[in-house]
C-alpha cells in the first residue's frame, strides 16, 4: 500500500499522517514537504523532480520486506497531481489517498469568491499557450503553474490581447510566513520576477466574475445551438456569413476550449462570436472602424469576449499569436496572400469562403503550398419563404464556395495538437 497525503495549503498533518510518516520506510515529496515533515533520521526519502526516477524508486522499494511508502503532495493530489501517475504505474488498489484542500479552492477562498464556475487549466510541464487561450476566452480561470509557465509567462501572453483581465497570483499558499495573494494587471505581472513556489494564478474578468447559480461545475456547458440566424447579429447590408455557410465553417474549424481562432475580414464578427461561444479564444480582424465596433457589440450581446483588431490582412497578422484555426471571409485581390500567410501559421485548419469561381484554384494552391490537404464544396441553399395566401416558396441564396485545409498529421491524431 502506498499512502498519499495532501498537505501544504494551511491544514496541519493529522494524527493518521503523522503515524504513517513515523512508521514509513520511504517518504517521497517535494523538498519543502520533506523538510516540514520532521522525519526520523532512519527514513529513506526521495525529493520529487522528474517523476520517472521517483516512480522507479518506489517500485524498487515496494519489493523489499516491510516496505511502507508515504507520498506527500500539495493540496489534493488527485487533482492534476501525482495520484494519476501512481495509479497508472501501481494500480488504484495500491493507493490510500487522503487529500488536503486544493490550492485552487484556497486561492478563491482568500478572495471570498466562489469557484464552481471556474475553468481550471494546468500549465505545469505543458506549453503555456493553451492556458493563455483559456484565460483569453473565459471570465474566471485558475491556472496551475510550473517552471516556464508562471505568472510572468501567462501575463506576457495576455499583453496586447486581453489586458482587461485581473491576475491574482497566490504564492506559497498555506505558509504562515511566505504566503502572498496579489492582484495585478497583466502588464504588472509580466514585469516581475516570480520565485517558486507560485501555487496558482487566477485570471479574472471582474465584470463577469460572478455568474448565475450553476448546476454543472466548470466552464459553461456550451450554447444550446450554433450557426445562429443572421438576425442575431448586427451587420451592414447583409454583409454577414450566412448561417448555412457558418454551420459547415464551424464544423471544419472545430473551435474548442484552449484553441485560438482568427476570423479574417470579419465584418460582423459572426464566426468569431460563434467560436467564442463554443469556448475558443477568438480574434476578429476587420479593416473598417465601424466594423470593429459592430464586432465588439455583437460579442457583448452574446456574452463573450472577442478581440477586435482594426487593420488589413495580411499586414496586421504579424502582431497576432499563432492560431489553431483560421476563418477567412474576405480579402479581395489580396486573398491568395492572406491565405498563404494564415496557412503558414495555422496549427490545425484554415477555412475560406469565396463567391468567385476564379478564386478557387488560387486558394487551393495556397493551402497545398503550406502543407495542407485542400478540400471544398459549393454550397447552394434555398430557404422557405412565405407567399400571400399562406403558401411557401423557395428563396435561393447566392452560391458560395467553402474551401478548407487540414494538416494531415493533425487529422491523423484526431485534432490533438498539444
Protein backbone atom coordinates (compact mmCIF):
# COMPACT_ATOMS: atom_id res chain seq x y z
CA UNK A 1 0.00 0.00 0.00
CA UNK A 2 1.23 3.48 -0.92
CA UNK A 3 -0.21 6.14 1.36
CA UNK A 4 -0.63 9.57 -0.23
CA UNK A 5 -1.28 12.66 1.89
CA UNK A 6 -2.21 16.11 0.64
CA UNK A 7 -0.53 18.94 2.51
CA UNK A 8 0.90 22.40 2.08
CA UNK A 9 -2.21 24.63 1.89
CA UNK A 10 -2.56 25.54 5.54
CA UNK A 11 -4.03 22.48 7.22
CA UNK A 12 -1.64 20.56 9.53
CA UNK A 13 -0.97 16.89 9.01
CA UNK A 14 -3.43 14.88 11.06
CA UNK A 15 -2.64 12.07 13.50
CA UNK A 16 -3.05 9.44 10.76
CA UNK A 17 -0.47 11.14 8.56
CA UNK A 18 1.91 11.64 11.47
CA UNK A 19 1.71 7.97 12.41
CA UNK A 20 2.24 6.92 8.78
CA UNK A 21 5.31 9.15 8.47
CA UNK A 22 6.81 7.88 11.73
CA UNK A 23 6.46 4.29 10.51
CA UNK A 24 7.42 4.87 6.87
CA UNK A 25 10.49 3.27 5.33
CA UNK A 26 10.39 5.61 2.28
CA UNK A 27 8.88 9.09 2.00
CA UNK A 28 8.54 10.84 -1.37
CA UNK A 29 7.73 14.52 -1.80
CA UNK A 30 8.88 18.00 -2.76
CA UNK A 31 11.81 19.29 -0.71
CA UNK A 32 9.59 21.74 1.22
CA UNK A 33 7.22 18.91 2.18
CA UNK A 34 10.05 16.66 3.33
CA UNK A 35 11.73 19.48 5.28
CA UNK A 36 8.48 20.23 7.08
CA UNK A 37 7.60 16.63 7.88
CA UNK A 38 10.09 16.13 10.77
CA UNK A 39 11.01 12.65 9.53
CA UNK A 40 13.07 10.22 11.64
CA UNK A 41 16.70 10.15 10.50
CA UNK A 42 16.48 6.48 9.54
CA UNK A 43 13.73 7.15 6.96
CA UNK A 44 14.77 6.95 3.31
CA UNK A 45 13.45 9.82 1.22
CA UNK A 46 13.15 10.85 -2.43
CA UNK A 47 12.91 14.51 -3.43
CA UNK A 48 10.42 14.85 -6.25
CA UNK A 49 11.76 16.20 -9.52
CA UNK A 50 11.20 14.22 -12.71
CA UNK A 51 8.50 11.63 -11.98
CA UNK A 52 10.02 8.59 -13.68
CA UNK A 53 13.01 8.14 -11.32
CA UNK A 54 10.77 8.63 -8.27
CA UNK A 55 8.30 6.02 -9.53
CA UNK A 56 11.16 3.61 -10.24
CA UNK A 57 12.48 4.10 -6.71
CA UNK A 58 9.02 3.45 -5.25
CA UNK A 59 8.71 0.30 -7.33
CA UNK A 60 12.10 -0.99 -6.18
CA UNK A 61 11.31 -0.22 -2.55
CA UNK A 62 7.94 -1.98 -2.64
CA UNK A 63 9.81 -5.19 -3.43
CA UNK A 64 11.63 -5.04 -0.10
CA UNK A 65 10.35 -6.72 3.07
CA UNK A 66 8.39 -4.44 5.38
CA UNK A 67 8.20 -1.60 2.87
CA UNK A 68 5.93 1.25 3.92
CA UNK A 69 5.80 4.09 1.38
CA UNK A 70 4.33 7.54 2.03
CA UNK A 71 3.96 10.24 -0.64
CA UNK A 72 3.47 13.88 0.34
CA UNK A 73 1.89 16.20 -2.22
CA UNK A 74 0.31 19.64 -2.38
CA UNK A 75 -3.39 20.08 -1.71
CA UNK A 76 -5.48 17.41 -3.42
CA UNK A 77 -3.02 15.03 -5.13
CA UNK A 78 -5.85 13.56 -7.20
CA UNK A 79 -6.47 16.91 -8.93
CA UNK A 80 -3.79 17.37 -11.62
CA UNK A 81 -1.47 15.66 -9.15
CA UNK A 82 0.69 12.61 -8.58
CA UNK A 83 -2.22 10.20 -7.99
CA UNK A 84 -2.64 9.79 -11.76
CA UNK A 85 0.96 8.66 -12.25
CA UNK A 86 0.87 6.40 -9.19
CA UNK A 87 -2.40 4.77 -10.28
CA UNK A 88 -1.12 4.18 -13.81
CA UNK A 89 2.11 2.59 -12.52
CA UNK A 90 0.92 0.63 -9.47
CA UNK A 91 -2.88 0.44 -9.87
CA UNK A 92 -5.59 2.32 -7.92
CA UNK A 93 -5.98 -0.56 -5.45
CA UNK A 94 -2.42 0.03 -4.22
CA UNK A 95 -3.19 3.60 -3.12
CA UNK A 96 -4.61 5.05 0.08
CA UNK A 97 -5.20 8.73 -0.74
CA UNK A 98 -6.00 11.36 1.90
CA UNK A 99 -6.43 14.71 0.11
CA UNK A 100 -5.92 18.16 1.55
CA UNK A 101 -7.58 21.37 0.40
CA UNK A 102 -6.84 22.06 -3.30
CA UNK A 103 -4.69 25.14 -3.87
CA UNK A 104 -7.34 26.48 -6.23
CA UNK A 105 -10.03 26.28 -3.56
CA UNK A 106 -7.72 28.03 -1.09
CA UNK A 107 -6.87 30.79 -3.58
CA UNK A 108 -10.52 31.55 -4.31
CA UNK A 109 -11.30 31.35 -0.59
CA UNK A 110 -8.70 34.05 0.06
CA UNK A 111 -10.68 36.29 -2.31
CA UNK A 112 -14.10 35.33 -0.97
CA UNK A 113 -15.15 34.30 -4.48
CA UNK A 114 -16.99 31.07 -5.47
CA UNK A 115 -15.18 28.83 -7.93
CA UNK A 116 -17.79 26.30 -9.09
CA UNK A 117 -17.88 28.12 -12.44
CA UNK A 118 -14.10 28.47 -12.86
CA UNK A 119 -12.24 26.83 -15.72
CA UNK A 120 -9.15 25.04 -14.42
CA UNK A 121 -6.13 24.50 -16.64
CA UNK A 122 -2.71 23.07 -15.80
CA UNK A 123 0.37 24.69 -17.30
CA UNK A 124 2.76 22.53 -15.27
CA UNK A 125 5.06 20.80 -17.74
CA UNK A 126 2.94 21.98 -20.66
CA UNK A 127 3.04 24.65 -23.34
CA UNK A 128 1.52 27.73 -21.66
CA UNK A 129 -0.28 28.80 -24.86
CA UNK A 130 -3.30 26.64 -24.00
CA UNK A 131 -3.58 28.28 -20.59
CA UNK A 132 -3.26 31.73 -22.18
CA UNK A 133 -6.02 30.94 -24.68
CA UNK A 134 -8.32 29.71 -21.92
CA UNK A 135 -7.65 32.91 -19.93
CA UNK A 136 -8.40 34.90 -23.07
CA UNK A 137 -11.73 33.18 -23.68
CA UNK A 138 -13.24 32.68 -20.20
CA UNK A 139 -14.06 35.15 -17.41
CA UNK A 140 -12.86 33.03 -14.47
CA UNK A 141 -9.82 30.78 -14.91
CA UNK A 142 -7.47 29.08 -12.45
CA UNK A 143 -4.04 28.14 -13.81
CA UNK A 144 -1.81 25.64 -12.03
CA UNK A 145 1.67 26.95 -12.73
CA UNK A 146 5.01 25.33 -13.45
CA UNK A 147 8.58 26.17 -14.50
CA UNK A 148 8.44 28.33 -17.63
CA UNK A 149 4.68 28.73 -17.24
CA UNK A 150 4.29 31.03 -14.28
CA UNK A 151 2.69 34.44 -13.76
CA UNK A 152 5.14 36.33 -15.99
CA UNK A 153 4.69 33.96 -18.95
CA UNK A 154 0.90 33.94 -18.62
CA UNK A 155 0.81 37.71 -18.33
CA UNK A 156 3.08 38.15 -21.36
CA UNK A 157 0.68 36.03 -23.39
CA UNK A 158 -2.22 38.26 -22.40
CA UNK A 159 -0.48 41.57 -23.10
CA UNK A 160 -1.95 43.40 -26.10
CA UNK A 161 -4.58 40.66 -26.39
CA UNK A 162 -6.71 40.78 -23.27
CA UNK A 163 -5.42 43.44 -20.89
CA UNK A 164 -8.83 43.84 -19.24
CA UNK A 165 -8.11 40.80 -17.11
CA UNK A 166 -7.03 40.87 -13.47
CA UNK A 167 -4.39 38.37 -12.39
CA UNK A 168 -4.40 37.09 -8.82
CA UNK A 169 -1.08 35.44 -8.00
CA UNK A 170 -1.12 33.10 -5.00
CA UNK A 171 2.36 32.30 -3.70
CA UNK A 172 3.23 29.66 -1.08
CA UNK A 173 -0.38 29.11 -0.06
CA UNK A 174 -0.67 27.85 3.49
CA UNK A 175 2.78 29.01 4.54
CA UNK A 176 2.23 31.24 7.60
CA UNK A 177 5.34 33.29 6.78
CA UNK A 178 5.65 33.38 2.99
CA UNK A 179 2.07 33.20 1.70
CA UNK A 180 1.13 36.13 -0.55
CA UNK A 181 -2.00 36.76 -2.61
CA UNK A 182 -1.58 39.70 -5.00
CA UNK A 183 -3.88 41.35 -7.56
CA UNK A 184 -2.10 42.71 -10.64
CA UNK A 185 -2.66 43.76 -14.23
CA UNK A 186 -1.06 41.58 -16.92
CA UNK A 187 1.46 44.36 -17.52
CA UNK A 188 2.46 44.44 -13.85
CA UNK A 189 2.74 40.66 -13.60
CA UNK A 190 4.82 40.39 -16.78
CA UNK A 191 7.39 42.84 -15.39
CA UNK A 192 8.04 40.87 -12.19
CA UNK A 193 10.42 38.06 -11.34
CA UNK A 194 8.41 35.39 -9.55
CA UNK A 195 10.02 33.00 -7.05
CA UNK A 196 8.86 29.44 -6.50
CA UNK A 197 6.55 28.17 -5.28
CA UNK A 198 3.75 30.06 -7.02
CA UNK A 199 0.81 27.77 -6.35
CA UNK A 200 -1.86 29.10 -8.68
CA UNK A 201 -2.73 32.10 -10.83
CA UNK A 202 -6.34 33.24 -11.14
CA UNK A 203 -7.27 35.16 -14.28
CA UNK A 204 -10.49 37.13 -13.84
CA UNK A 205 -12.76 39.33 -15.91
CA UNK A 206 -14.17 41.09 -12.86
CA UNK A 207 -17.17 42.46 -14.79
CA UNK A 208 -18.34 38.87 -15.45
CA UNK A 209 -16.75 37.12 -12.45
CA UNK A 210 -20.00 36.25 -10.63
CA UNK A 211 -22.20 34.06 -12.80
CA UNK A 212 -25.78 32.98 -12.03
CA UNK A 213 -26.32 29.92 -9.83
CA UNK A 214 -24.97 26.84 -11.61
CA UNK A 215 -25.94 23.16 -11.59
CA UNK A 216 -22.87 21.94 -13.51
CA UNK A 217 -19.41 22.93 -12.29
CA UNK A 218 -16.64 24.22 -14.51
CA UNK A 219 -16.91 26.05 -17.81
CA UNK A 220 -20.31 26.79 -19.23
CA UNK A 221 -21.79 23.66 -20.81
CA UNK A 222 -21.84 25.29 -24.26
CA UNK A 223 -24.52 27.02 -26.28
CA UNK A 224 -27.87 25.41 -26.92
CA UNK A 225 -27.34 25.98 -30.64
CA UNK A 226 -24.92 27.47 -33.13
CA UNK A 227 -24.99 28.68 -36.72
CA UNK A 228 -27.25 31.43 -35.43
CA UNK A 229 -29.63 33.32 -37.68
CA UNK A 230 -28.22 36.47 -39.25
CA UNK A 231 -30.78 38.48 -37.28
CA UNK A 232 -28.84 37.57 -34.12
CA UNK A 233 -26.00 39.86 -35.22
CA UNK A 234 -25.66 43.50 -36.16
CA UNK A 235 -24.42 43.67 -39.75
CA UNK A 236 -24.26 46.04 -42.70
CA UNK A 237 -26.14 45.49 -45.95
CA UNK A 238 -26.40 41.72 -45.43
CA UNK A 239 -22.57 41.54 -45.28
CA UNK A 240 -22.52 38.53 -42.99
CA UNK A 241 -21.65 34.86 -43.37
CA UNK A 242 -25.00 33.12 -43.83
CA UNK A 243 -25.91 30.56 -41.20
CA UNK A 244 -25.80 27.60 -43.63
CA UNK A 245 -22.23 28.51 -44.57
CA UNK A 246 -21.31 29.28 -40.98
CA UNK A 247 -22.52 25.86 -39.84
CA UNK A 248 -20.09 24.00 -42.11
CA UNK A 249 -17.31 26.50 -41.44
CA UNK A 250 -17.61 25.89 -37.69
CA UNK A 251 -17.57 22.13 -38.27
CA UNK A 252 -14.29 22.44 -40.18
CA UNK A 253 -12.73 24.94 -37.75
CA UNK A 254 -13.57 22.76 -34.73
CA UNK A 255 -13.27 25.55 -32.11
CA UNK A 256 -12.82 24.31 -28.55
CA UNK A 257 -11.54 25.41 -25.17
CA UNK A 258 -7.80 26.07 -25.35
CA UNK A 259 -7.84 26.98 -29.06
CA UNK A 260 -7.13 30.35 -30.67
CA UNK A 261 -9.16 31.12 -33.80
CA UNK A 262 -8.68 34.02 -36.22
CA UNK A 263 -11.65 35.47 -38.14
CA UNK A 264 -10.14 37.44 -41.06
CA UNK A 265 -12.24 40.02 -42.89
CA UNK A 266 -14.65 39.53 -40.03
CA UNK A 267 -17.35 42.06 -40.97
CA UNK A 268 -19.94 41.48 -38.25
CA UNK A 269 -17.67 39.01 -36.44
CA UNK A 270 -20.33 36.31 -36.55
CA UNK A 271 -17.81 33.48 -36.96
CA UNK A 272 -15.55 34.83 -34.20
CA UNK A 273 -18.51 35.21 -31.84
CA UNK A 274 -19.69 31.67 -32.54
CA UNK A 275 -16.18 30.30 -31.92
CA UNK A 276 -16.07 32.17 -28.61
CA UNK A 277 -19.49 30.77 -27.66
CA UNK A 278 -18.03 27.29 -28.23
CA UNK A 279 -15.15 28.00 -25.82
CA UNK A 280 -12.29 29.13 -28.06
CA UNK A 281 -10.30 32.34 -27.81
CA UNK A 282 -11.23 34.44 -30.85
CA UNK A 283 -9.57 37.31 -32.70
CA UNK A 284 -11.54 39.18 -35.38
CA UNK A 285 -9.56 41.21 -37.93
CA UNK A 286 -11.57 43.93 -39.70
CA UNK A 287 -10.31 46.84 -41.83
CA UNK A 288 -13.23 49.22 -41.22
CA UNK A 289 -13.64 51.15 -37.99
CA UNK A 290 -17.42 50.77 -37.94
CA UNK A 291 -16.99 47.03 -38.50
CA UNK A 292 -14.73 46.81 -35.44
CA UNK A 293 -17.42 48.47 -33.32
CA UNK A 294 -20.05 46.05 -34.67
CA UNK A 295 -17.84 43.10 -33.74
CA UNK A 296 -17.48 44.38 -30.19
CA UNK A 297 -21.21 45.00 -29.91
CA UNK A 298 -22.04 41.51 -31.20
CA UNK A 299 -19.58 39.89 -28.78
CA UNK A 300 -21.07 41.81 -25.86
CA UNK A 301 -24.61 40.92 -26.93
CA UNK A 302 -23.73 37.22 -26.81
CA UNK A 303 -21.81 37.43 -23.51
CA UNK A 304 -18.40 36.50 -24.90
CA UNK A 305 -15.04 38.20 -25.37
CA UNK A 306 -13.65 38.68 -28.90
CA UNK A 307 -10.54 40.71 -29.53
CA UNK A 308 -11.35 43.04 -32.44
CA UNK A 309 -8.26 44.13 -34.40
CA UNK A 310 -8.58 47.17 -36.68
CA UNK A 311 -6.43 46.67 -39.77
CA UNK A 312 -5.99 44.88 -43.06
CA UNK A 313 -4.66 41.37 -43.50
CA UNK A 314 -2.03 40.14 -44.09
CA UNK A 315 -0.25 43.24 -42.70
CA UNK A 316 -1.64 43.10 -39.15
CA UNK A 317 -1.26 39.34 -38.76
CA UNK A 318 2.38 39.57 -37.69
CA UNK A 319 1.26 41.06 -34.36
CA UNK A 320 -1.03 38.13 -33.52
CA UNK A 321 -0.21 34.87 -31.73
CA UNK A 322 -0.24 31.76 -33.91
CA UNK A 323 -3.77 30.35 -34.30
CA UNK A 324 -5.07 26.81 -34.16
CA UNK A 325 -7.62 27.54 -36.87
CA UNK A 326 -8.39 30.43 -39.22
CA UNK A 327 -11.57 31.53 -40.99
CA UNK A 328 -11.13 33.86 -43.95
CA UNK A 329 -14.32 35.54 -45.14
CA UNK A 330 -12.89 38.42 -47.14
CA UNK A 331 -9.78 39.51 -48.93
CA UNK A 332 -10.44 40.66 -52.48
CA UNK A 333 -7.33 40.79 -54.62
CA UNK A 334 -5.18 40.14 -51.54
CA UNK A 335 -6.89 36.78 -50.87
CA UNK A 336 -4.05 34.49 -52.09
CA UNK A 337 -1.52 36.39 -49.96
CA UNK A 338 -3.85 36.28 -46.95
CA UNK A 339 -4.44 32.54 -47.30
CA UNK A 340 -0.70 31.93 -47.65
CA UNK A 341 0.11 33.98 -44.54
CA UNK A 342 -2.60 32.27 -42.49
CA UNK A 343 -1.79 28.77 -43.70
CA UNK A 344 1.86 29.15 -42.76
CA UNK A 345 0.93 29.83 -39.16
CA UNK A 346 -2.25 27.81 -38.52
CA UNK A 347 -1.65 24.72 -36.43
CA UNK A 348 -4.71 22.76 -37.48
CA UNK A 349 -7.08 24.17 -40.11
CA UNK A 350 -7.84 27.04 -42.49
CA UNK A 351 -11.36 27.64 -43.83
CA UNK A 352 -12.06 30.09 -46.66
CA UNK A 353 -15.31 31.31 -48.25
CA UNK A 354 -15.28 32.77 -51.76
CA UNK A 355 -18.03 33.74 -54.17
CA UNK A 356 -15.93 33.93 -57.36
CA UNK A 357 -15.02 30.73 -59.18
CA UNK A 358 -11.73 32.29 -60.28
CA UNK A 359 -10.54 32.43 -56.69
CA UNK A 360 -10.95 28.71 -56.03
CA UNK A 361 -7.72 27.44 -57.67
CA UNK A 362 -5.74 30.29 -56.05
CA UNK A 363 -6.96 29.32 -52.59
CA UNK A 364 -6.38 25.62 -53.16
CA UNK A 365 -2.84 26.25 -54.40
CA UNK A 366 -2.04 28.44 -51.40
CA UNK A 367 -3.31 25.79 -48.98
CA UNK A 368 -1.42 22.98 -50.71
CA UNK A 369 1.81 25.01 -50.79
CA UNK A 370 1.60 25.41 -46.98
CA UNK A 371 1.28 21.65 -46.43
CA UNK A 372 -2.49 21.43 -46.09
CA UNK A 373 -4.72 18.89 -47.82
CA UNK A 374 -7.19 21.20 -49.62
CA UNK A 375 -10.86 20.26 -49.91
CA UNK A 376 -14.05 22.16 -50.68
CA UNK A 377 -17.71 22.26 -51.60
CA UNK A 378 -20.09 24.58 -53.41
CA UNK A 379 -22.94 25.45 -51.06
CA UNK A 380 -26.28 26.26 -52.66
CA UNK A 381 -29.27 26.65 -50.38
CA UNK A 382 -32.87 27.75 -50.69
CA UNK A 383 -34.81 28.92 -47.67
CA UNK A 384 -38.52 28.58 -47.11
CA UNK A 385 -40.17 31.97 -47.62
CA UNK A 386 -43.86 32.89 -47.21
CA UNK A 387 -46.09 33.97 -50.07
CA UNK A 388 -49.54 35.58 -49.90
CA UNK A 389 -52.31 33.07 -49.37
CA UNK A 390 -50.48 31.10 -46.69
CA UNK A 391 -48.26 29.30 -49.16
CA UNK A 392 -44.50 28.95 -49.25
CA UNK A 393 -41.83 29.32 -51.89
CA UNK A 394 -38.09 28.54 -52.00
CA UNK A 395 -35.86 31.64 -51.96
CA UNK A 396 -32.42 30.83 -53.36
CA UNK A 397 -29.33 32.26 -51.65
CA UNK A 398 -26.21 33.12 -53.61
CA UNK A 399 -23.94 30.09 -54.04
CA UNK A 400 -20.71 30.14 -52.02
CA UNK A 401 -17.56 28.05 -52.27
CA UNK A 402 -16.34 26.79 -48.89
CA UNK A 403 -12.73 25.64 -49.08
CA UNK A 404 -10.64 24.26 -46.26
CA UNK A 405 -7.34 22.66 -45.50
CA UNK A 406 -6.37 20.43 -42.59
CA UNK A 407 -2.84 19.45 -41.73
CA UNK A 408 -2.56 15.69 -42.40
CA UNK A 409 -0.66 14.97 -39.16
CA UNK A 410 -3.36 16.68 -37.13
CA UNK A 411 -6.13 14.84 -38.93
CA UNK A 412 -4.46 11.52 -38.18
CA UNK A 413 -4.35 12.33 -34.46
CA UNK A 414 -7.98 13.48 -34.40
CA UNK A 415 -7.07 17.10 -33.89
CA UNK A 416 -4.84 16.66 -30.85
CA UNK A 417 -2.09 19.28 -31.13
CA UNK A 418 -0.87 19.50 -27.53
